[in-house]
Amino acid sequence: MKVTILDGFSVTQNDLDWHQLSKTPNLEVNIFDRTPATLTTARCQDAEAVLTNKVVFTAEALAQLPRLRYIGVLATGYNVVDTLEAHRRGIVVTNIPAYSTPSVVQLTMAHLLNATNSVAHYAHENQKGRWSQSPDFLWMDTPVTELSGKTMVIRGMGNIGTGVARVAQALGMHVVAVTGRTDLPKGVNRMSWAEALSLADVLSLHCPLTPDTHHIINAQSLSQMKPTAILINTGRGPLVDEAAVAQALHKGQLGAYCADVLSEEPPQPSNPLLTAPRCYLTPHIAWASREARKRLITTAVDNLQAFIDGHPVNTV
């Protein structure tokens, strides 16, 4: 079987590799660090199986790949593949569920703690000598906020949202969930989106990107939130209207925006969030701990082996 990995570097990052594929017999594997859209079909022309992280497979691309039988998405989200067209053509599509949950929960809380305690700001200022120049034993130029007793609203209570809820409760926060689930963790209250927006001291987004959740954060929803609220997005960039968030930050209508994802990655220099005040962005690294990437590779290989054996798992 000919297997093509289209953007392998995003997973390996020079500290891991794809050697686990060598344990699977009778594979001819071609690995590309990155693949521009213009080369996708050419590189997959002879492939029966493809592994992709962010390289997109449209209906038009799939029509040009008659040998393709399997697409392994190297992520939990699989919106890079036109799954309806893939199913119509008999192509099996799999994903990697839950591999990054602890890492994403950790970065979500790191963003929150940075916004409330200004850790990066103070560390940077102290490197410039600000504390050394203080006449007092402490030096402060920005508030520190205690989270205990505050309300965190979580939109989406899958593995990651549930993990964030657990850590928030450990910090003494009240947790409110906006979700279709009814089997919520103890102490987590379910509420409508409209009700929850006005209560949120912190709003953390962990829902999938669908037509219904596209731009769920927009000028209208922002107007319903407290001007001191902290908004966190480690889900998908298009969950928020970035121009509306930037405007709210400039006008003092939002306490802070913390995000690991943007609508376009890497962002254009003109993205308004790059210059907005109290906006803290990380470059899509929540999933990328070495531990999480090792789990991803193992599951990706297992998924492919299960397909070869005739009983595919983690299909979407």
Foldseek 3Di string as FASTA:
>chain_A
DEEEEAAVCVLPVVPHDLCVLVVPPPYDYHYDNHDDQVCVLVRCQQPQEYEYAQRAADLVSVVNRLNHAEYEHLALDDPSYPVVSCVVSNHWYFYQPPLQQVLLLVVQVVLVQCLQAVVVVVVVVVVVPPCVPDPDNDDDDDHHDQLAAAEEEEEDDDSNSLSNVVVSVVSNYQYEYDDPDDPHPPRYHYDHLLVVQQRALEYEYADADDPVQFQPPALVSLQNHALQHEYEYAHEARSHDQVRVLVSQQVSSHNAYEYAYHNDPPDDPPRSLVPGPRYHYHPNCSRRDSSSSVSSSVVSSVQVVCVVVPHGPRTD
